[in-house]
Amino acid sequence: MDITTEQLRAEVEATATALGITASTVGRRVGQGGRFYARLCEGKRMWPETMESVHRKLQEMRAASPREASHGRDSAPRKGATA
């Protein structure tokens, strides 16, 4: 499947909206770092393999429940927070 950077950008935004997180957080969670979305918006070059990998991971994130998709350090309680 050939996906364009515009399509991938729209997919990142849709995933962020669906999960209630920022697009930069989506980039981090798919393993590309917090600047991934900014680079995508700037039209920076991206390897086709990277685009395919991100596309697959975005599909997996949307298929998982929000609770499952919010794993990682972003969901860890902050110091001093009460449960």
N, C-alpha and C. Protein backbone atom coordinates (compact mmCIF):
# COMPACT_ATOMS: atom_id res chain seq x y z
N MET A 1 0.84 -1.18 0.00
CA MET A 1 0.00 0.00 0.00
C MET A 1 0.88 1.24 0.00
N ASP A 2 0.61 2.15 -0.91
CA ASP A 2 1.33 3.42 -0.93
C ASP A 2 0.50 4.47 -0.24
N ILE A 3 1.07 5.09 0.77
CA ILE A 3 0.38 6.11 1.54
C ILE A 3 1.18 7.40 1.40
N THR A 4 0.49 8.51 1.23
CA THR A 4 1.17 9.80 1.11
C THR A 4 1.38 10.41 2.48
N THR A 5 2.26 11.40 2.55
CA THR A 5 2.49 12.07 3.83
C THR A 5 1.23 12.79 4.30
N GLU A 6 0.45 13.32 3.36
CA GLU A 6 -0.81 13.98 3.74
C GLU A 6 -1.79 12.99 4.34
N GLN A 7 -1.88 11.81 3.75
CA GLN A 7 -2.77 10.78 4.29
C GLN A 7 -2.31 10.34 5.67
N LEU A 8 -1.00 10.19 5.83
CA LEU A 8 -0.47 9.78 7.12
C LEU A 8 -0.70 10.85 8.17
N ARG A 9 -0.52 12.10 7.78
CA ARG A 9 -0.77 13.21 8.70
C ARG A 9 -2.23 13.21 9.16
N ALA A 10 -3.16 13.03 8.22
CA ALA A 10 -4.58 12.97 8.57
C ALA A 10 -4.88 11.79 9.49
N GLU A 11 -4.20 10.68 9.25
CA GLU A 11 -4.39 9.50 10.07
C GLU A 11 -3.87 9.72 11.50
N VAL A 12 -2.72 10.39 11.63
CA VAL A 12 -2.18 10.72 12.95
C VAL A 12 -3.17 11.62 13.68
N GLU A 13 -3.69 12.63 12.99
CA GLU A 13 -4.65 13.56 13.61
C GLU A 13 -5.93 12.84 14.04
N ALA A 14 -6.43 11.95 13.19
CA ALA A 14 -7.64 11.20 13.53
C ALA A 14 -7.42 10.28 14.73
N THR A 15 -6.25 9.67 14.78
CA THR A 15 -5.93 8.79 15.91
C THR A 15 -5.81 9.61 17.19
N ALA A 16 -5.18 10.75 17.10
CA ALA A 16 -5.04 11.62 18.28
C ALA A 16 -6.41 12.03 18.80
N THR A 17 -7.29 12.42 17.90
CA THR A 17 -8.64 12.83 18.29
C THR A 17 -9.40 11.66 18.92
N ALA A 18 -9.31 10.50 18.29
CA ALA A 18 -10.02 9.32 18.79
C ALA A 18 -9.55 8.91 20.19
N LEU A 19 -8.26 9.08 20.45
CA LEU A 19 -7.71 8.67 21.74
C LEU A 19 -7.68 9.81 22.76
N GLY A 20 -7.98 11.02 22.32
CA GLY A 20 -7.97 12.16 23.24
C GLY A 20 -6.57 12.57 23.66
N ILE A 21 -5.60 12.44 22.76
CA ILE A 21 -4.22 12.81 23.04
C ILE A 21 -3.71 13.71 21.93
N THR A 22 -2.54 14.28 22.10
CA THR A 22 -1.99 15.16 21.07
C THR A 22 -1.34 14.34 19.97
N ALA A 23 -1.20 14.97 18.81
CA ALA A 23 -0.56 14.31 17.67
C ALA A 23 0.90 13.98 17.97
N SER A 24 1.58 14.82 18.74
CA SER A 24 2.97 14.52 19.08
C SER A 24 3.07 13.30 19.99
N THR A 25 2.07 13.10 20.85
CA THR A 25 2.04 11.92 21.69
C THR A 25 1.82 10.67 20.85
N VAL A 26 0.99 10.78 19.83
CA VAL A 26 0.79 9.66 18.92
C VAL A 26 2.13 9.28 18.28
N GLY A 27 2.88 10.29 17.83
CA GLY A 27 4.20 10.03 17.23
C GLY A 27 5.12 9.29 18.17
N ARG A 28 5.10 9.69 19.43
CA ARG A 28 5.93 9.01 20.44
C ARG A 28 5.48 7.56 20.61
N ARG A 29 4.20 7.35 20.66
CA ARG A 29 3.68 6.00 20.91
C ARG A 29 3.89 5.05 19.74
N VAL A 30 4.01 5.57 18.54
CA VAL A 30 4.29 4.69 17.40
C VAL A 30 5.79 4.50 17.22
N GLY A 31 6.57 5.04 18.14
CA GLY A 31 8.00 4.79 18.15
C GLY A 31 8.83 5.74 17.31
N GLN A 32 8.26 6.89 16.94
CA GLN A 32 8.98 7.82 16.08
C GLN A 32 9.42 9.10 16.79
N GLY A 33 9.08 9.24 18.05
CA GLY A 33 9.50 10.42 18.81
C GLY A 33 8.48 11.54 18.75
N GLY A 34 8.61 12.45 19.67
CA GLY A 34 7.67 13.56 19.80
C GLY A 34 7.70 14.56 18.66
N ARG A 35 8.78 14.60 17.90
CA ARG A 35 8.89 15.54 16.77
C ARG A 35 8.38 14.94 15.46
N PHE A 36 7.94 13.69 15.49
CA PHE A 36 7.49 13.03 14.27
C PHE A 36 6.37 13.81 13.57
N TYR A 37 5.36 14.21 14.33
CA TYR A 37 4.23 14.92 13.73
C TYR A 37 4.68 16.27 13.15
N ALA A 38 5.53 16.97 13.86
CA ALA A 38 6.02 18.26 13.36
C ALA A 38 6.79 18.05 12.05
N ARG A 39 7.63 17.03 12.00
CA ARG A 39 8.37 16.75 10.76
C ARG A 39 7.43 16.38 9.63
N LEU A 40 6.38 15.65 9.96
CA LEU A 40 5.38 15.27 8.98
C LEU A 40 4.69 16.52 8.41
N CYS A 41 4.33 17.45 9.29
CA CYS A 41 3.69 18.69 8.88
C CYS A 41 4.62 19.57 8.05
N GLU A 42 5.90 19.49 8.33
CA GLU A 42 6.89 20.29 7.60
C GLU A 42 7.23 19.69 6.23
N GLY A 43 6.70 18.51 5.96
CA GLY A 43 6.95 17.86 4.67
C GLY A 43 8.32 17.23 4.56
N LYS A 44 8.93 16.92 5.68
CA LYS A 44 10.25 16.26 5.67
C LYS A 44 10.15 14.89 5.03
N ARG A 45 11.25 14.46 4.46
CA ARG A 45 11.29 13.16 3.80
C ARG A 45 11.14 12.03 4.81
N MET A 46 10.43 11.00 4.38
CA MET A 46 10.20 9.86 5.24
C MET A 46 10.36 8.59 4.40
N TRP A 47 11.04 7.62 4.95
CA TRP A 47 11.22 6.35 4.25
C TRP A 47 9.87 5.66 4.10
N PRO A 48 9.62 5.03 2.95
CA PRO A 48 8.35 4.30 2.76
C PRO A 48 8.12 3.23 3.84
N GLU A 49 9.19 2.58 4.26
CA GLU A 49 9.06 1.55 5.30
C GLU A 49 8.58 2.16 6.61
N THR A 50 9.06 3.36 6.92
CA THR A 50 8.63 4.05 8.13
C THR A 50 7.16 4.41 8.04
N MET A 51 6.75 4.91 6.89
CA MET A 51 5.35 5.28 6.70
C MET A 51 4.44 4.07 6.84
N GLU A 52 4.83 2.96 6.28
CA GLU A 52 4.03 1.73 6.39
C GLU A 52 3.96 1.25 7.84
N SER A 53 5.09 1.31 8.53
CA SER A 53 5.14 0.89 9.93
C SER A 53 4.23 1.76 10.79
N VAL A 54 4.33 3.06 10.61
CA VAL A 54 3.49 4.00 11.37
C VAL A 54 2.02 3.75 11.05
N HIS A 55 1.71 3.58 9.79
CA HIS A 55 0.33 3.32 9.37
C HIS A 55 -0.23 2.09 10.09
N ARG A 56 0.54 1.00 10.12
CA ARG A 56 0.10 -0.23 10.82
C ARG A 56 -0.10 0.03 12.30
N LYS A 57 0.83 0.73 12.92
CA LYS A 57 0.73 0.99 14.37
C LYS A 57 -0.46 1.89 14.68
N LEU A 58 -0.76 2.84 13.81
CA LEU A 58 -1.92 3.71 14.01
C LEU A 58 -3.21 2.89 13.96
N GLN A 59 -3.29 1.96 13.03
CA GLN A 59 -4.45 1.09 12.94
C GLN A 59 -4.61 0.26 14.21
N GLU A 60 -3.50 -0.25 14.71
CA GLU A 60 -3.53 -1.04 15.95
C GLU A 60 -3.98 -0.19 17.13
N MET A 61 -3.49 1.05 17.20
CA MET A 61 -3.86 1.93 18.30
C MET A 61 -5.36 2.22 18.29
N ARG A 62 -5.92 2.48 17.10
CA ARG A 62 -7.35 2.78 17.01
C ARG A 62 -8.20 1.55 17.29
N ALA A 63 -7.68 0.38 16.94
CA ALA A 63 -8.43 -0.86 17.17
C ALA A 63 -8.48 -1.22 18.65
N ALA A 64 -7.44 -0.85 19.38
CA ALA A 64 -7.38 -1.14 20.83
C ALA A 64 -8.29 -0.16 21.57
N SER A 65 -8.72 -0.57 22.73
CA SER A 65 -9.53 0.34 23.55
C SER A 65 -8.65 1.50 24.01
N PRO A 66 -9.24 2.64 24.34
CA PRO A 66 -8.43 3.77 24.82
C PRO A 66 -7.58 3.40 26.03
N ARG A 67 -8.08 2.55 26.90
CA ARG A 67 -7.31 2.15 28.08
C ARG A 67 -6.06 1.37 27.65
N GLU A 68 -6.21 0.46 26.70
CA GLU A 68 -5.06 -0.33 26.23
C GLU A 68 -4.09 0.54 25.44
N ALA A 69 -4.60 1.49 24.67
CA ALA A 69 -3.75 2.32 23.82
C ALA A 69 -3.00 3.37 24.63
N SER A 70 -3.40 3.60 25.88
CA SER A 70 -2.75 4.64 26.66
C SER A 70 -1.66 4.10 27.57
N HIS A 71 -1.05 2.98 27.20
CA HIS A 71 0.03 2.43 28.00
C HIS A 71 1.28 3.30 27.88
N GLY A 72 2.22 3.07 28.73
CA GLY A 72 3.48 3.81 28.63
C GLY A 72 3.57 4.90 29.66
N ARG A 73 4.61 5.70 29.55
CA ARG A 73 4.88 6.69 30.58
C ARG A 73 3.85 7.81 30.63
N ASP A 74 3.12 8.06 29.52
CA ASP A 74 2.14 9.13 29.52
C ASP A 74 0.99 8.85 30.48
N SER A 75 0.71 7.57 30.75
CA SER A 75 -0.41 7.24 31.61
C SER A 75 0.01 7.00 33.07
N ALA A 76 1.27 7.12 33.36
CA ALA A 76 1.74 6.90 34.72
C ALA A 76 1.28 8.04 35.62
N PRO A 77 0.89 7.74 36.85
CA PRO A 77 0.47 8.80 37.75
C PRO A 77 1.62 9.76 38.02
N ARG A 78 1.28 11.01 38.12
CA ARG A 78 2.30 12.01 38.41
C ARG A 78 2.62 12.00 39.89
N LYS A 79 3.81 12.41 40.21
CA LYS A 79 4.25 12.45 41.60
C LYS A 79 3.30 13.35 42.40
N GLY A 80 2.82 12.83 43.48
CA GLY A 80 1.92 13.58 44.35
C GLY A 80 0.46 13.45 43.96
N ALA A 81 0.16 12.77 42.87
CA ALA A 81 -1.23 12.59 42.45
C ALA A 81 -1.89 11.50 43.27
N THR A 82 -3.17 11.65 43.50
CA THR A 82 -3.91 10.64 44.24
C THR A 82 -4.74 9.81 43.28
N ALA A 83 -4.93 8.56 43.61
CA ALA A 83 -5.68 7.66 42.73
C ALA A 83 -7.15 7.75 42.98
